[in-house]
Amino acid sequence: GRSTAHMGYWLSSEVQGMGIATEAVNWLTNFALTTMQLDHVDISTRVDNLKSRAVAERAGFILRPEIEDTEWVPNQDSTNYTQVPLCVYIRSADRTPKYPLHLARPNFFYATITNPSSRIHLSL
């Protein structure tokens, strides 16, 4: 592997603002960078999702505007998709990485895994 983990999070509105996401992100990131010896952890958020962006920033992640990414979002009936721009945040280990960031986290990583053409559709 490239020694990088991608992290995402969702919280119901009832528990937002209680520090749960920030604490969980901090714990998981510390585990990934120390125990698992990964080089980097990344978080991709929609540009307009200010709460998710704030979680990443409070957890010590750095916005990396030079890394471009998007998410494929389906319309209501999932027949068409729109690419939505994302902000990419990175937190790296405090040691020399095995893989430099430009190799460990390529542009459009999330766009690749959310691309509708790479999804499997099953009919029952």
Protein backbone atom coordinates (compact mmCIF):
# COMPACT_ATOMS: atom_id res chain seq x y z
CA GLY A 1 0.00 0.00 0.00
CA ARG A 2 0.87 3.63 -0.12
CA SER A 3 0.75 4.05 3.64
CA THR A 4 -2.25 6.39 3.55
CA ALA A 5 -5.72 6.03 5.02
CA HIS A 6 -8.84 7.89 3.94
CA MET A 7 -11.24 8.87 6.73
CA GLY A 8 -14.87 9.94 6.61
CA TYR A 9 -17.48 10.65 9.27
CA TRP A 10 -21.17 11.32 9.69
CA LEU A 11 -23.12 12.30 12.80
CA SER A 12 -26.83 12.64 13.37
CA SER A 13 -27.93 16.18 14.14
CA GLU A 14 -28.81 15.20 17.74
CA VAL A 15 -25.15 14.66 18.66
CA GLN A 16 -23.45 17.32 16.55
CA GLY A 17 -21.55 20.02 18.40
CA MET A 18 -20.55 17.76 21.30
CA GLY A 19 -16.96 17.13 20.21
CA ILE A 20 -17.63 13.49 19.35
CA ALA A 21 -16.41 13.69 15.75
CA THR A 22 -13.26 15.63 16.65
CA GLU A 23 -12.38 13.19 19.45
CA ALA A 24 -12.99 10.16 17.23
CA VAL A 25 -10.97 11.63 14.34
CA ASN A 26 -8.09 12.45 16.70
CA TRP A 27 -8.08 8.96 18.21
CA LEU A 28 -8.28 7.14 14.87
CA THR A 29 -5.66 9.38 13.30
CA ASN A 30 -3.24 8.89 16.18
CA PHE A 31 -3.80 5.13 15.98
CA ALA A 32 -3.20 5.14 12.20
CA LEU A 33 -0.04 7.25 12.37
CA THR A 34 1.54 5.63 15.43
CA THR A 35 0.30 2.07 15.95
CA MET A 36 -0.24 1.28 12.27
CA GLN A 37 2.77 3.39 11.20
CA LEU A 38 0.90 4.98 8.29
CA ASP A 39 2.44 8.11 6.76
CA HIS A 40 -0.70 10.13 6.09
CA VAL A 41 -4.41 10.26 6.82
CA ASP A 42 -6.69 12.24 4.55
CA ILE A 43 -10.18 13.64 4.94
CA SER A 44 -12.17 14.88 1.95
CA THR A 45 -15.14 17.14 2.62
CA ARG A 46 -17.50 19.04 0.39
CA VAL A 47 -16.43 22.65 0.08
CA ASP A 48 -19.69 23.92 1.61
CA ASN A 49 -19.66 21.46 4.55
CA LEU A 50 -18.22 23.89 7.09
CA LYS A 51 -18.90 21.60 10.08
CA SER A 52 -16.89 18.72 8.60
CA ARG A 53 -14.14 21.08 7.58
CA ALA A 54 -14.01 22.43 11.15
CA VAL A 55 -13.67 18.89 12.55
CA ALA A 56 -10.69 18.24 10.29
CA GLU A 57 -9.06 21.52 11.26
CA ARG A 58 -9.63 21.00 15.01
CA ALA A 59 -8.06 17.55 14.66
CA GLY A 60 -4.87 19.05 13.24
CA PHE A 61 -5.47 18.33 9.55
CA ILE A 62 -4.10 20.82 7.03
CA LEU A 63 -6.08 21.94 3.99
CA ARG A 64 -4.13 20.98 0.87
CA PRO A 65 -5.65 22.97 -2.03
CA GLU A 66 -3.02 21.59 -4.45
CA ILE A 67 -4.70 18.17 -4.17
CA GLU A 68 -7.76 18.18 -6.38
CA ASP A 69 -10.72 15.88 -5.82
CA THR A 70 -14.43 15.53 -6.46
CA GLU A 71 -17.30 13.27 -5.44
CA TRP A 72 -19.84 11.83 -7.85
CA VAL A 73 -23.29 12.60 -6.41
CA PRO A 74 -26.42 10.95 -7.86
CA ASN A 75 -29.58 12.87 -8.62
CA GLN A 76 -32.83 11.75 -6.97
CA ASP A 77 -33.46 8.79 -9.27
CA SER A 78 -29.74 7.89 -9.64
CA THR A 79 -29.85 8.16 -13.44
CA ASN A 80 -27.43 11.08 -13.65
CA TYR A 81 -24.50 12.15 -11.51
CA THR A 82 -22.83 15.46 -10.79
CA GLN A 83 -19.22 15.95 -9.76
CA VAL A 84 -19.03 18.03 -6.58
CA PRO A 85 -15.68 19.61 -5.63
CA LEU A 86 -14.05 18.52 -2.37
CA CYS A 87 -11.55 20.03 0.05
CA VAL A 88 -8.72 17.65 0.89
CA TYR A 89 -7.19 17.77 4.37
CA ILE A 90 -4.05 15.84 5.32
CA ARG A 91 -2.42 14.95 8.61
CA SER A 92 1.00 13.35 8.35
CA ALA A 93 3.18 11.45 10.79
CA ASP A 94 5.99 13.26 12.61
CA ARG A 95 8.67 11.19 10.86
CA THR A 96 10.09 10.80 7.39
CA PRO A 97 7.36 9.15 5.29
CA LYS A 98 7.87 5.95 3.34
CA TYR A 99 5.92 7.59 0.52
CA PRO A 100 5.93 11.34 -0.09
CA LEU A 101 2.46 12.87 -0.10
CA HIS A 102 2.34 13.42 -3.86
CA LEU A 103 2.73 9.65 -4.34
CA ALA A 104 0.66 8.58 -1.34
CA ARG A 105 -2.44 10.69 -2.10
CA PRO A 106 -3.02 11.18 -5.85
CA ASN A 107 -5.41 13.77 -7.25
CA PHE A 108 -8.99 12.62 -7.79
CA PHE A 109 -8.69 9.59 -5.48
CA TYR A 110 -12.24 10.00 -4.12
CA ALA A 111 -13.61 10.77 -7.58
CA THR A 112 -12.25 7.42 -8.73
CA ILE A 113 -13.90 5.40 -5.97
CA THR A 114 -17.26 7.24 -6.29
CA ASN A 115 -17.35 7.16 -10.10
CA PRO A 116 -20.69 5.68 -11.24
CA SER A 117 -18.99 3.63 -13.95
CA SER A 118 -17.04 1.72 -11.30
CA ARG A 119 -20.12 0.81 -9.24
CA ILE A 120 -21.69 -2.61 -9.30
CA HIS A 121 -25.46 -2.63 -9.82
CA LEU A 122 -27.39 -5.71 -8.80
CA SER A 123 -30.96 -6.51 -9.73
CA LEU A 124 -32.96 -8.90 -7.58
